[in-house]
Every structure is written in C-alpha cells, then in structure tokens.
Amino acid sequence: MSEVLFVSQLPLGRCENLTAVWDMYDGGKAFRMGTDSMRTAERDGFSVVVCDCLPKYIDGKSCCKSVNIGHGITGDKLYGADEKHKPWYDQAAADQIDFAIATSEAGVPIVARQFRIPEDRVLPLGMPRTDAYFEDGPDLSCFSVGRATVYLYAPTFRSCDGRLPQIDWESVGSMLGKREIMVVKRHYFTKEPLVVGDHPRVNEVDPDMPSALWLHACDVLLTDYSSIMFDAYLLGKPSVLTVDDQDEYLSKRGMYHPYPHFYGSRWLYAEGNEEALVAMLRAAAKNGMTDVERECVSTVAGACDGHSAERVCDLIRSLL
C-alpha cells in the first residue's frame, strides 16, 4: 500500500512544488488529481497527504497527517483565507492541516493567518519548485534569442475579475531595437491571447510552456501581482511592475505587504504609457536588481536555498 498521497487540483506535471517533492521522495507514494480524493485518504490506507491546494476534509482523520505546500510562494498575498471577506473554504478542513509550509521565517505568521492555524504548525521550509534555480540552468539552445535583451511579460490571473492593462504591443514593438525582444506569456488560466496582430519584436508564447525556461532566458521580468516576481529575484532578474488595476485588485484580493513599494522600486501605469515602459525596462536591464528587490526576496523567500524539497521529504518521513 502506498503510504503518501499527493493531491492537487491540477495534473502532476503542472504541480511544480509537488513534482519537486515527488521526484525526491523515495518511499511508497501515489498521486490523485482532485481535492475530493483527500476525503477517503485515511480509509484508503494513506498515512500522509501532501497537497498544494486548499484542503478538503478528511473523513475520520485520526492517524493520517496532512501537509500543505501551496502552489506559489505563499506569504505575498492572501492565499488561503481572505481576511477582508468570509473564508471561501472549509475551516474544518484547514483545522486538519498538521503542517503548512512557509517560504521564510517572516512568512510563518502570515501563513498561519491565511489558514487560521497555530504558528507552530507552519514550518519555514521554502518552496520546492525553486530548488532548480540553485542548480545549473536549463539548456536554452532551443531559444532563438541570440544576444538579444529579452523582456518577459507574465501577468497574474485575474481571479477577481480584474482587467489586464491594454498595452499597445505594436507601439512597444516599434520602439524595441534589433537586439531587444518582448516575450508575452499569459497565465495558463487566461484563455484569450494578450497580443493581437503580428509584431516582429513582440512574441506571445505557449502559456503551457514552463515559465522557468523563460525566466532563465530573460533579462527583465514585467509583471504585476504574480509571485513569479520572487522566482525572478531568486534568479537575479530585476522586475518592472504594472499597477494599472491595483485599486480594483487590492480591494478584492489584497496583499499582505504594501504594494508596490515592498515588492520593487520600478512600477508604472503601463497602459497608454508605452514609451515610459520601454525606458523603464531598458534601465532595469542596464542596472540590475535594486536593494528593495533583494530585501523583498530575502524577507519573503529567505528559506528558498535549493534544499526545500529535501526538507519537505524529511518532514514526510518523520510523520510516517
């Protein structure tokens, strides 16, 4: 009988945190897609449930232990319980979380508030999916970027019904030089393309393609409220933040730290401000990360050191 059940709302190949732990864990294990599969985990003989999503109640839970990792780098925004509104998940299920993973010491009280669990059940073990950033980078020979400066636009998914800024990509493309490329990668939940028309210096890529490949290839990340900014910072890549819909986004979703000041030192209203956007991207490529960005990643992702999956595996083994 498999001892450890891995659960996600997404296929295992999409679950970067679970995949990193799955690949390292050498004991009995099984993966089931769909949170409802948690309900029968103990009856089915599993000793530990590892999930990267909001938990579901485990029927008759007594000996079975549960570990919540999270999809992204938690601690940056309201992931579990939105403190502005009534929680939209089952608190009884959250109460069954034996351990939740934070990405830093500073993130422990934040994750505890997200799930409304005691702080001693939150462990600063880091994010397993970031371990690869501390190894040799991927083979980028398939990318025909040459010696070009690459800007990567990767906005978050507007789950709160917000609207992405309508950046004039034709204008941006006309301002980019021969050795500059704008890569647009929408969130895989965003169905409609972000770029309309054919712009030689602006390329929208497959949203299902791993973001890590383009993070390694890019020189500057352009994003908004996405935790991909921390991935960029861990790779030493500076970011430019678009704040066009921040009032709407923050009123409906919220963030734990002051946005955008805590997260970066370069931000602007990008829509209709394309000339300033290109200038800011070029400055970021030239000057690199700032002290604000380095301090941000140190605070939010201080436990991301290349050994997160190893520590989570040690935790799992200790619970068996």
C-alpha atoms as a PDB file:
ATOM      1  CA  MET A   1       0.000   0.000   0.000  1.00  0.00           C
ATOM      2  CA  SER A   2       1.316   3.480  -0.863  1.00  0.00           C
ATOM      3  CA  GLU A   3       1.923   5.457   2.302  1.00  0.00           C
ATOM      4  CA  VAL A   4       1.907   9.023   0.960  1.00  0.00           C
ATOM      5  CA  LEU A   5      -0.858  10.550  -1.159  1.00  0.00           C
ATOM      6  CA  PHE A   6      -0.012  13.604  -3.279  1.00  0.00           C
ATOM      7  CA  VAL A   7      -3.067  15.679  -4.212  1.00  0.00           C
ATOM      8  CA  SER A   8      -3.636  18.681  -6.450  1.00  0.00           C
ATOM      9  CA  GLN A   9      -6.407  20.253  -8.457  1.00  0.00           C
ATOM     10  CA  LEU A  10      -4.004  20.158 -11.416  1.00  0.00           C
ATOM     11  CA  PRO A  11      -2.147  17.336 -13.211  1.00  0.00           C
ATOM     12  CA  LEU A  12       1.114  16.344 -11.539  1.00  0.00           C
ATOM     13  CA  GLY A  13       3.138  17.755 -14.427  1.00  0.00           C
ATOM     14  CA  ARG A  14       1.664  21.178 -13.716  1.00  0.00           C
ATOM     15  CA  CYS A  15       2.290  20.995  -9.967  1.00  0.00           C
ATOM     16  CA  GLU A  16       5.858  22.225  -9.693  1.00  0.00           C
ATOM     17  CA  ASN A  17       6.031  22.003  -5.898  1.00  0.00           C
ATOM     18  CA  LEU A  18       4.527  18.534  -5.733  1.00  0.00           C
ATOM     19  CA  THR A  19       6.661  17.363  -8.641  1.00  0.00           C
ATOM     20  CA  ALA A  20       9.862  18.508  -6.919  1.00  0.00           C
ATOM     21  CA  VAL A  21       8.942  16.609  -3.743  1.00  0.00           C
ATOM     22  CA  TRP A  22       7.566  13.633  -5.696  1.00  0.00           C
ATOM     23  CA  ASP A  23      10.817  13.260  -7.630  1.00  0.00           C
ATOM     24  CA  MET A  24      12.909  13.328  -4.440  1.00  0.00           C
ATOM     25  CA  TYR A  25      10.722  11.189  -2.185  1.00  0.00           C
ATOM     26  CA  ASP A  26      11.740   7.525  -2.484  1.00  0.00           C
ATOM     27  CA  GLY A  27       9.021   5.864  -0.409  1.00  0.00           C
ATOM     28  CA  GLY A  28       5.592   4.488  -1.264  1.00  0.00           C
ATOM     29  CA  LYS A  29       3.541   7.179  -2.961  1.00  0.00           C
ATOM     30  CA  ALA A  30       0.549   7.842  -5.177  1.00  0.00           C
ATOM     31  CA  PHE A  31      -0.869  10.887  -6.933  1.00  0.00           C
ATOM     32  CA  ARG A  32      -4.540  11.712  -7.300  1.00  0.00           C
ATOM     33  CA  MET A  33      -5.911  14.705  -9.120  1.00  0.00           C
ATOM     34  CA  GLY A  34      -8.855  16.407  -7.418  1.00  0.00           C
ATOM     35  CA  THR A  35      -9.178  17.547  -3.826  1.00  0.00           C
ATOM     36  CA  ASP A  36     -12.179  15.294  -3.186  1.00  0.00           C
ATOM     37  CA  SER A  37      -9.731  12.378  -3.148  1.00  0.00           C
ATOM     38  CA  MET A  38      -8.497  13.643   0.224  1.00  0.00           C
ATOM     39  CA  ARG A  39     -11.765  12.677   1.861  1.00  0.00           C
ATOM     40  CA  THR A  40     -11.077   8.942   1.768  1.00  0.00           C
ATOM     41  CA  ALA A  41      -7.285   9.147   2.206  1.00  0.00           C
ATOM     42  CA  GLU A  42      -7.207   7.552   5.653  1.00  0.00           C
ATOM     43  CA  ARG A  43      -9.751   4.878   4.772  1.00  0.00           C
ATOM     44  CA  ASP A  44      -7.655   4.076   1.705  1.00  0.00           C
ATOM     45  CA  GLY A  45      -4.629   3.403   3.880  1.00  0.00           C
ATOM     46  CA  PHE A  46      -2.557   6.547   3.407  1.00  0.00           C
ATOM     47  CA  SER A  47      -0.504   7.790   6.340  1.00  0.00           C
ATOM     48  CA  VAL A  48       0.314  11.244   4.953  1.00  0.00           C
ATOM     49  CA  VAL A  49      -1.470  13.554   2.491  1.00  0.00           C
ATOM     50  CA  VAL A  50       0.632  16.220   0.737  1.00  0.00           C
ATOM     51  CA  CYS A  51      -1.382  18.857  -1.127  1.00  0.00           C
ATOM     52  CA  ASP A  52      -0.615  22.090  -2.937  1.00  0.00           C
ATOM     53  CA  CYS A  53      -4.133  23.471  -2.821  1.00  0.00           C
ATOM     54  CA  LEU A  54      -6.862  24.372  -0.359  1.00  0.00           C
ATOM     55  CA  PRO A  55      -7.539  21.192   1.605  1.00  0.00           C
ATOM     56  CA  LYS A  56     -10.695  19.134   1.765  1.00  0.00           C
ATOM     57  CA  TYR A  57     -11.927  17.493   4.938  1.00  0.00           C
ATOM     58  CA  ILE A  58     -10.504  14.009   5.526  1.00  0.00           C
ATOM     59  CA  ASP A  59     -13.285  11.740   6.797  1.00  0.00           C
ATOM     60  CA  GLY A  60     -12.466  10.133  10.117  1.00  0.00           C
ATOM     61  CA  LYS A  61      -8.984  11.660  10.264  1.00  0.00           C
ATOM     62  CA  SER A  62      -7.051  10.353  13.246  1.00  0.00           C
ATOM     63  CA  CYS A  63      -3.633   8.945  12.375  1.00  0.00           C
ATOM     64  CA  CYS A  64      -3.356  10.376   8.860  1.00  0.00           C
ATOM     65  CA  LYS A  65      -1.203  13.518   8.715  1.00  0.00           C
ATOM     66  CA  SER A  66      -1.571  16.357   6.208  1.00  0.00           C
ATOM     67  CA  VAL A  67       0.994  18.768   4.779  1.00  0.00           C
ATOM     68  CA  ASN A  68       0.069  21.823   2.680  1.00  0.00           C
ATOM     69  CA  ILE A  69       2.736  23.297   0.412  1.00  0.00           C
ATOM     70  CA  GLY A  70       0.861  25.758  -1.782  1.00  0.00           C
ATOM     71  CA  HIS A  71       1.127  26.481  -5.497  1.00  0.00           C
ATOM     72  CA  GLY A  72       3.377  29.517  -5.427  1.00  0.00           C
ATOM     73  CA  ILE A  73       5.458  31.382  -2.907  1.00  0.00           C
ATOM     74  CA  THR A  74       2.985  31.972  -0.118  1.00  0.00           C
ATOM     75  CA  GLY A  75       3.168  34.966   2.151  1.00  0.00           C
ATOM     76  CA  ASP A  76       2.954  37.545  -0.614  1.00  0.00           C
ATOM     77  CA  LYS A  77      -0.823  37.741  -0.927  1.00  0.00           C
ATOM     78  CA  LEU A  78      -3.989  36.314   0.582  1.00  0.00           C
ATOM     79  CA  TYR A  79      -3.789  32.690  -0.478  1.00  0.00           C
ATOM     80  CA  GLY A  80      -5.999  30.747   1.916  1.00  0.00           C
ATOM     81  CA  ALA A  81      -8.426  32.908   3.865  1.00  0.00           C
ATOM     82  CA  ASP A  82      -9.173  36.381   2.589  1.00  0.00           C
ATOM     83  CA  GLU A  83      -9.271  38.353   5.816  1.00  0.00           C
ATOM     84  CA  LYS A  84     -11.433  41.023   4.192  1.00  0.00           C
ATOM     85  CA  HIS A  85     -14.229  38.598   3.453  1.00  0.00           C
ATOM     86  CA  LYS A  86     -15.752  35.392   4.730  1.00  0.00           C
ATOM     87  CA  PRO A  87     -13.384  32.463   4.109  1.00  0.00           C
ATOM     88  CA  TRP A  88     -14.355  30.657   0.937  1.00  0.00           C
ATOM     89  CA  TYR A  89     -13.062  27.276   2.038  1.00  0.00           C
ATOM     90  CA  ASP A  90     -13.935  24.793   4.766  1.00  0.00           C
ATOM     91  CA  GLN A  91     -12.308  25.889   8.029  1.00  0.00           C
ATOM     92  CA  ALA A  92     -12.832  22.389   9.438  1.00  0.00           C
ATOM     93  CA  ALA A  93     -10.588  21.098   6.651  1.00  0.00           C
ATOM     94  CA  ALA A  94      -7.977  23.778   7.351  1.00  0.00           C
ATOM     95  CA  ASP A  95      -8.033  22.753  11.008  1.00  0.00           C
ATOM     96  CA  GLN A  96      -6.871  19.311   9.878  1.00  0.00           C
ATOM     97  CA  ILE A  97      -3.648  20.715   8.409  1.00  0.00           C
ATOM     98  CA  ASP A  98      -0.849  19.294  10.532  1.00  0.00           C
ATOM     99  CA  PHE A  99       1.818  21.382   8.825  1.00  0.00           C
ATOM    100  CA  ALA A 100       1.764  24.181   6.265  1.00  0.00           C
ATOM    101  CA  ILE A 101       4.939  25.293   4.524  1.00  0.00           C
ATOM    102  CA  ALA A 102       6.176  28.889   4.531  1.00  0.00           C
ATOM    103  CA  THR A 103       8.990  30.269   2.419  1.00  0.00           C
ATOM    104  CA  SER A 104      10.643  32.270   5.196  1.00  0.00           C
ATOM    105  CA  GLU A 105      10.566  32.908   8.923  1.00  0.00           C
ATOM    106  CA  ALA A 106       8.765  36.174   8.222  1.00  0.00           C
ATOM    107  CA  GLY A 107       6.095  34.260   6.331  1.00  0.00           C
ATOM    108  CA  VAL A 108       5.178  31.970   9.241  1.00  0.00           C
ATOM    109  CA  PRO A 109       2.637  34.310  10.905  1.00  0.00           C
ATOM    110  CA  ILE A 110       1.188  35.198   7.508  1.00  0.00           C
ATOM    111  CA  VAL A 111       0.544  31.591   6.507  1.00  0.00           C
ATOM    112  CA  ALA A 112      -0.867  30.914   9.980  1.00  0.00           C
ATOM    113  CA  ARG A 113      -3.346  33.756   9.481  1.00  0.00           C
ATOM    114  CA  GLN A 114      -4.193  32.556   5.984  1.00  0.00           C
ATOM    115  CA  PHE A 115      -5.348  29.170   7.244  1.00  0.00           C
ATOM    116  CA  ARG A 116      -6.185  30.295  10.780  1.00  0.00           C
ATOM    117  CA  ILE A 117      -3.976  27.663  12.344  1.00  0.00           C
ATOM    118  CA  PRO A 118      -1.367  27.981  15.142  1.00  0.00           C
ATOM    119  CA  GLU A 119       2.062  29.275  14.104  1.00  0.00           C
ATOM    120  CA  ASP A 120       3.783  26.162  15.451  1.00  0.00           C
ATOM    121  CA  ARG A 121       2.110  24.236  12.619  1.00  0.00           C
ATOM    122  CA  VAL A 122       3.765  26.437   9.974  1.00  0.00           C
ATOM    123  CA  LEU A 123       7.316  25.467   9.023  1.00  0.00           C
ATOM    124  CA  PRO A 124       9.692  27.749   7.043  1.00  0.00           C
ATOM    125  CA  LEU A 125      10.998  25.061   4.693  1.00  0.00           C
ATOM    126  CA  GLY A 126      10.953  27.071   1.443  1.00  0.00           C
ATOM    127  CA  MET A 127       9.323  26.338  -1.918  1.00  0.00           C
ATOM    128  CA  PRO A 128      10.417  23.049  -3.535  1.00  0.00           C
ATOM    129  CA  ARG A 129       9.871  24.365  -7.056  1.00  0.00           C
ATOM    130  CA  THR A 130      12.615  26.939  -6.553  1.00  0.00           C
ATOM    131  CA  ASP A 131      15.298  24.321  -5.856  1.00  0.00           C
ATOM    132  CA  ALA A 132      16.132  24.126  -9.564  1.00  0.00           C
ATOM    133  CA  TYR A 133      17.149  27.794  -9.526  1.00  0.00           C
ATOM    134  CA  PHE A 134      20.199  26.913  -7.462  1.00  0.00           C
ATOM    135  CA  GLU A 135      21.378  24.281  -9.923  1.00  0.00           C
ATOM    136  CA  ASP A 136      22.836  24.703 -13.391  1.00  0.00           C
ATOM    137  CA  GLY A 137      20.367  26.500 -15.636  1.00  0.00           C
ATOM    138  CA  PRO A 138      18.404  24.639 -18.321  1.00  0.00           C
ATOM    139  CA  ASP A 139      19.594  24.161 -21.867  1.00  0.00           C
ATOM    140  CA  LEU A 140      18.385  27.268 -23.686  1.00  0.00           C
ATOM    141  CA  SER A 141      19.730  26.303 -27.089  1.00  0.00           C
ATOM    142  CA  CYS A 142      16.155  25.925 -28.338  1.00  0.00           C
ATOM    143  CA  PHE A 143      15.568  29.640 -27.779  1.00  0.00           C
ATOM    144  CA  SER A 144      16.459  31.718 -30.816  1.00  0.00           C
ATOM    145  CA  VAL A 145      17.145  34.856 -28.769  1.00  0.00           C
ATOM    146  CA  GLY A 146      20.822  35.094 -29.642  1.00  0.00           C
ATOM    147  CA  ARG A 147      22.412  38.041 -27.886  1.00  0.00           C
ATOM    148  CA  ALA A 148      19.162  39.947 -27.622  1.00  0.00           C
ATOM    149  CA  THR A 149      17.918  41.573 -24.444  1.00  0.00           C
ATOM    150  CA  VAL A 150      14.757  39.674 -23.502  1.00  0.00           C
ATOM    151  CA  TYR A 151      11.849  41.221 -21.595  1.00  0.00           C
ATOM    152  CA  LEU A 152       9.304  38.718 -20.246  1.00  0.00           C
ATOM    153  CA  TYR A 153       5.729  39.891 -19.625  1.00  0.00           C
ATOM    154  CA  ALA A 154       3.985  37.409 -17.311  1.00  0.00           C
ATOM    155  CA  PRO A 155       0.920  38.857 -15.518  1.00  0.00           C
ATOM    156  CA  THR A 156      -1.104  37.059 -12.887  1.00  0.00           C
ATOM    157  CA  PHE A 157      -4.519  35.501 -13.482  1.00  0.00           C
ATOM    158  CA  ARG A 158      -7.334  37.913 -12.645  1.00  0.00           C
ATOM    159  CA  SER A 159      -9.413  35.590 -10.492  1.00  0.00           C
ATOM    160  CA  CYS A 160     -11.129  38.666  -9.039  1.00  0.00           C
ATOM    161  CA  ASP A 161     -12.498  39.651 -12.468  1.00  0.00           C
ATOM    162  CA  GLY A 162      -9.967  42.408 -12.977  1.00  0.00           C
ATOM    163  CA  ARG A 163      -8.863  43.579 -16.411  1.00  0.00           C
ATOM    164  CA  LEU A 164      -5.341  43.266 -17.741  1.00  0.00           C
ATOM    165  CA  PRO A 165      -3.832  46.548 -18.968  1.00  0.00           C
ATOM    166  CA  GLN A 166      -4.376  47.022 -22.689  1.00  0.00           C
ATOM    167  CA  ILE A 167      -0.739  47.564 -23.603  1.00  0.00           C
ATOM    168  CA  ASP A 168      -0.211  48.737 -27.179  1.00  0.00           C
ATOM    169  CA  TRP A 169       2.134  45.995 -28.293  1.00  0.00           C
ATOM    170  CA  GLU A 170       2.502  47.446 -31.786  1.00  0.00           C
ATOM    171  CA  SER A 171       3.822  50.638 -30.207  1.00  0.00           C
ATOM    172  CA  VAL A 172       6.125  48.685 -27.897  1.00  0.00           C
ATOM    173  CA  GLY A 173       7.417  46.626 -30.805  1.00  0.00           C
ATOM    174  CA  SER A 174       8.153  49.734 -32.851  1.00  0.00           C
ATOM    175  CA  MET A 175      10.328  51.119 -30.052  1.00  0.00           C
ATOM    176  CA  LEU A 176      12.348  47.960 -29.460  1.00  0.00           C
ATOM    177  CA  GLY A 177      15.723  47.746 -31.118  1.00  0.00           C
ATOM    178  CA  LYS A 178      17.087  44.909 -33.247  1.00  0.00           C
ATOM    179  CA  ARG A 179      18.626  43.327 -30.164  1.00  0.00           C
ATOM    180  CA  GLU A 180      15.542  43.550 -27.984  1.00  0.00           C
ATOM    181  CA  ILE A 181      12.664  41.066 -27.712  1.00  0.00           C
ATOM    182  CA  MET A 182       9.415  41.198 -25.751  1.00  0.00           C
ATOM    183  CA  VAL A 183       8.103  37.755 -24.803  1.00  0.00           C
ATOM    184  CA  VAL A 184       4.475  37.684 -23.655  1.00  0.00           C
ATOM    185  CA  LYS A 185       3.380  34.682 -21.607  1.00  0.00           C
ATOM    186  CA  ARG A 186      -0.139  34.810 -20.260  1.00  0.00           C
ATOM    187  CA  HIS A 187      -1.264  32.751 -17.279  1.00  0.00           C
ATOM    188  CA  TYR A 188      -2.462  29.319 -18.381  1.00  0.00           C
ATOM    189  CA  PHE A 189      -5.904  30.085 -16.910  1.00  0.00           C
ATOM    190  CA  THR A 190      -6.200  33.137 -19.190  1.00  0.00           C
ATOM    191  CA  LYS A 191      -7.827  31.874 -22.357  1.00  0.00           C
ATOM    192  CA  GLU A 192      -7.640  34.848 -24.725  1.00  0.00           C
ATOM    193  CA  PRO A 193      -4.305  35.891 -26.309  1.00  0.00           C
ATOM    194  CA  LEU A 194      -2.858  39.132 -25.000  1.00  0.00           C
ATOM    195  CA  VAL A 195      -1.198  40.144 -28.270  1.00  0.00           C
ATOM    196  CA  VAL A 196      -3.309  40.846 -31.332  1.00  0.00           C
ATOM    197  CA  GLY A 197      -1.624  41.148 -34.703  1.00  0.00           C
ATOM    198  CA  ASP A 198       1.883  40.403 -35.915  1.00  0.00           C
ATOM    199  CA  HIS A 199       4.699  42.313 -34.238  1.00  0.00           C
ATOM    200  CA  PRO A 200       8.234  41.152 -35.139  1.00  0.00           C
ATOM    201  CA  ARG A 201       9.774  42.206 -31.796  1.00  0.00           C
ATOM    202  CA  VAL A 202       6.838  41.006 -29.659  1.00  0.00           C
ATOM    203  CA  ASN A 203       6.138  37.282 -29.373  1.00  0.00           C
ATOM    204  CA  GLU A 204       3.359  35.609 -27.405  1.00  0.00           C
ATOM    205  CA  VAL A 205       4.451  32.116 -26.434  1.00  0.00           C
ATOM    206  CA  ASP A 206       2.588  28.972 -25.415  1.00  0.00           C
ATOM    207  CA  PRO A 207       1.067  29.578 -21.944  1.00  0.00           C
ATOM    208  CA  ASP A 208       1.547  25.898 -21.109  1.00  0.00           C
ATOM    209  CA  MET A 209       5.297  26.184 -21.563  1.00  0.00           C
ATOM    210  CA  PRO A 210       7.171  26.159 -18.203  1.00  0.00           C
ATOM    211  CA  SER A 211       7.735  29.720 -17.002  1.00  0.00           C
ATOM    212  CA  ALA A 212      11.111  28.770 -15.542  1.00  0.00           C
ATOM    213  CA  LEU A 213      12.605  28.405 -19.027  1.00  0.00           C
ATOM    214  CA  TRP A 214      11.718  31.958 -19.960  1.00  0.00           C
ATOM    215  CA  LEU A 215      12.790  33.257 -16.553  1.00  0.00           C
ATOM    216  CA  HIS A 216      16.237  31.829 -17.188  1.00  0.00           C
ATOM    217  CA  ALA A 217      16.277  33.307 -20.695  1.00  0.00           C
ATOM    218  CA  CYS A 218      15.004  36.798 -19.858  1.00  0.00           C
ATOM    219  CA  ASP A 219      16.888  39.850 -18.639  1.00  0.00           C
ATOM    220  CA  VAL A 220      13.924  41.656 -17.060  1.00  0.00           C
ATOM    221  CA  LEU A 221      10.519  40.472 -15.857  1.00  0.00           C
ATOM    222  CA  LEU A 222       7.426  42.608 -16.427  1.00  0.00           C
ATOM    223  CA  THR A 223       4.587  41.516 -14.135  1.00  0.00           C
ATOM    224  CA  ASP A 224       2.031  42.807 -11.646  1.00  0.00           C
ATOM    225  CA  TYR A 225       0.896  40.851  -8.563  1.00  0.00           C
ATOM    226  CA  SER A 226       2.239  37.447  -9.518  1.00  0.00           C
ATOM    227  CA  SER A 227       4.597  35.507  -7.251  1.00  0.00           C
ATOM    228  CA  ILE A 228       6.668  34.900 -10.384  1.00  0.00           C
ATOM    229  CA  MET A 229       8.487  38.088  -9.352  1.00  0.00           C
ATOM    230  CA  PHE A 230      10.117  36.162  -6.481  1.00  0.00           C
ATOM    231  CA  ASP A 231      11.267  33.473  -8.899  1.00  0.00           C
ATOM    232  CA  ALA A 232      12.842  36.217 -10.988  1.00  0.00           C
ATOM    233  CA  TYR A 233      14.552  37.742  -7.959  1.00  0.00           C
ATOM    234  CA  LEU A 234      15.912  34.351  -6.886  1.00  0.00           C
ATOM    235  CA  LEU A 235      17.474  34.139 -10.356  1.00  0.00           C
ATOM    236  CA  GLY A 236      18.894  37.651 -10.020  1.00  0.00           C
ATOM    237  CA  LYS A 237      16.500  39.124 -12.594  1.00  0.00           C
ATOM    238  CA  PRO A 238      15.044  42.616 -11.931  1.00  0.00           C
ATOM    239  CA  SER A 239      11.334  43.323 -12.326  1.00  0.00           C
ATOM    240  CA  VAL A 240       9.120  46.130 -13.559  1.00  0.00           C
ATOM    241  CA  LEU A 241       5.590  46.168 -12.102  1.00  0.00           C
ATOM    242  CA  THR A 242       2.450  47.294 -13.888  1.00  0.00           C
ATOM    243  CA  VAL A 243      -0.015  48.871 -11.450  1.00  0.00           C
ATOM    244  CA  ASP A 244      -2.865  49.788 -13.818  1.00  0.00           C
ATOM    245  CA  ASP A 245      -5.626  47.975 -11.934  1.00  0.00           C
ATOM    246  CA  GLN A 246      -4.084  47.932  -8.465  1.00  0.00           C
ATOM    247  CA  ASP A 247      -7.002  49.690  -6.735  1.00  0.00           C
ATOM    248  CA  GLU A 248      -9.507  47.140  -8.025  1.00  0.00           C
ATOM    249  CA  TYR A 249      -7.211  44.180  -7.453  1.00  0.00           C
ATOM    250  CA  LEU A 250      -6.234  45.161  -3.910  1.00  0.00           C
ATOM    251  CA  SER A 251      -9.812  45.965  -2.921  1.00  0.00           C
ATOM    252  CA  LYS A 252     -10.973  42.486  -3.946  1.00  0.00           C
ATOM    253  CA  ARG A 253      -7.919  40.345  -3.227  1.00  0.00           C
ATOM    254  CA  GLY A 254      -5.445  42.231  -1.089  1.00  0.00           C
ATOM    255  CA  MET A 255      -1.759  41.697  -0.331  1.00  0.00           C
ATOM    256  CA  TYR A 256      -0.007  41.362   2.992  1.00  0.00           C
ATOM    257  CA  HIS A 257       2.772  43.853   2.263  1.00  0.00           C
ATOM    258  CA  PRO A 258       2.416  47.406   0.909  1.00  0.00           C
ATOM    259  CA  TYR A 259       2.134  47.216  -2.869  1.00  0.00           C
ATOM    260  CA  PRO A 260       4.107  48.095  -4.882  1.00  0.00           C
ATOM    261  CA  HIS A 261       6.732  49.680  -2.603  1.00  0.00           C
ATOM    262  CA  PHE A 262       7.614  46.490  -0.738  1.00  0.00           C
ATOM    263  CA  TYR A 263       7.977  44.384  -3.882  1.00  0.00           C
ATOM    264  CA  GLY A 264      10.077  46.553  -6.154  1.00  0.00           C
ATOM    265  CA  SER A 265      11.376  50.007  -6.977  1.00  0.00           C
ATOM    266  CA  ARG A 266      10.175  50.209 -10.594  1.00  0.00           C
ATOM    267  CA  TRP A 267       6.459  50.477 -11.354  1.00  0.00           C
ATOM    268  CA  LEU A 268       4.182  52.419 -13.663  1.00  0.00           C
ATOM    269  CA  TYR A 269       0.771  52.579 -15.283  1.00  0.00           C
ATOM    270  CA  ALA A 270       1.698  50.750 -18.467  1.00  0.00           C
ATOM    271  CA  GLU A 271      -1.490  51.225 -20.471  1.00  0.00           C
ATOM    272  CA  GLY A 272      -1.051  54.237 -22.755  1.00  0.00           C
ATOM    273  CA  ASN A 273       2.409  54.792 -21.303  1.00  0.00           C
ATOM    274  CA  GLU A 274       4.397  52.523 -23.594  1.00  0.00           C
ATOM    275  CA  GLU A 275       7.343  54.873 -24.121  1.00  0.00           C
ATOM    276  CA  ALA A 276       7.961  55.105 -20.362  1.00  0.00           C
ATOM    277  CA  LEU A 277       7.506  51.344 -20.092  1.00  0.00           C
ATOM    278  CA  VAL A 278      10.237  50.605 -22.629  1.00  0.00           C
ATOM    279  CA  ALA A 279      12.546  53.139 -20.968  1.00  0.00           C
ATOM    280  CA  MET A 280      11.998  51.516 -17.568  1.00  0.00           C
ATOM    281  CA  LEU A 281      12.641  48.035 -18.946  1.00  0.00           C
ATOM    282  CA  ARG A 282      15.887  49.199 -20.510  1.00  0.00           C
ATOM    283  CA  ALA A 283      17.006  50.847 -17.274  1.00  0.00           C
ATOM    284  CA  ALA A 284      16.275  47.664 -15.345  1.00  0.00           C
ATOM    285  CA  ALA A 285      18.275  45.588 -17.849  1.00  0.00           C
ATOM    286  CA  LYS A 286      21.185  48.005 -17.514  1.00  0.00           C
ATOM    287  CA  ASN A 287      21.187  48.487 -13.743  1.00  0.00           C
ATOM    288  CA  GLY A 288      20.016  45.093 -12.460  1.00  0.00           C
ATOM    289  CA  MET A 289      18.280  44.363  -9.187  1.00  0.00           C
ATOM    290  CA  THR A 290      17.930  47.055  -6.565  1.00  0.00           C
ATOM    291  CA  ASP A 291      18.297  46.858  -2.778  1.00  0.00           C
ATOM    292  CA  VAL A 292      14.493  46.921  -2.496  1.00  0.00           C
ATOM    293  CA  GLU A 293      14.189  43.799  -4.640  1.00  0.00           C
ATOM    294  CA  ARG A 294      16.973  41.978  -2.819  1.00  0.00           C
ATOM    295  CA  GLU A 295      15.406  42.788   0.546  1.00  0.00           C
ATOM    296  CA  CYS A 296      11.994  41.673  -0.738  1.00  0.00           C
ATOM    297  CA  VAL A 297      13.173  38.217  -1.748  1.00  0.00           C
ATOM    298  CA  SER A 298      15.226  37.883   1.443  1.00  0.00           C
ATOM    299  CA  THR A 299      12.116  38.547   3.536  1.00  0.00           C
ATOM    300  CA  VAL A 300       9.526  36.617   1.548  1.00  0.00           C
ATOM    301  CA  ALA A 301      11.637  33.736   0.223  1.00  0.00           C
ATOM    302  CA  GLY A 302      14.512  33.585   2.688  1.00  0.00           C
ATOM    303  CA  ALA A 303      14.183  29.810   3.123  1.00  0.00           C
ATOM    304  CA  CYS A 304      14.454  29.136  -0.622  1.00  0.00           C
ATOM    305  CA  ASP A 305      18.023  27.869  -0.831  1.00  0.00           C
ATOM    306  CA  GLY A 306      17.921  24.863  -3.135  1.00  0.00           C
ATOM    307  CA  HIS A 307      17.074  22.316  -0.409  1.00  0.00           C
ATOM    308  CA  SER A 308      13.346  22.880   0.119  1.00  0.00           C
ATOM    309  CA  ALA A 309      12.173  19.590  -1.383  1.00  0.00           C
ATOM    310  CA  GLU A 310      14.732  17.740   0.697  1.00  0.00           C
ATOM    311  CA  ARG A 311      13.379  19.314   3.882  1.00  0.00           C
ATOM    312  CA  VAL A 312       9.766  18.533   2.941  1.00  0.00           C
ATOM    313  CA  CYS A 313      10.735  14.915   2.285  1.00  0.00           C
ATOM    314  CA  ASP A 314      12.390  14.760   5.716  1.00  0.00           C
ATOM    315  CA  LEU A 315       9.145  16.105   7.215  1.00  0.00           C
ATOM    316  CA  ILE A 316       7.076  13.468   5.405  1.00  0.00           C
ATOM    317  CA  ARG A 317       9.318  10.652   6.636  1.00  0.00           C
ATOM    318  CA  SER A 318       9.081  11.974  10.197  1.00  0.00           C
ATOM    319  CA  LEU A 319       5.283  11.711  10.054  1.00  0.00           C
ATOM    320  CA  LEU A 320       5.151   8.063   8.968  1.00  0.00           C
END
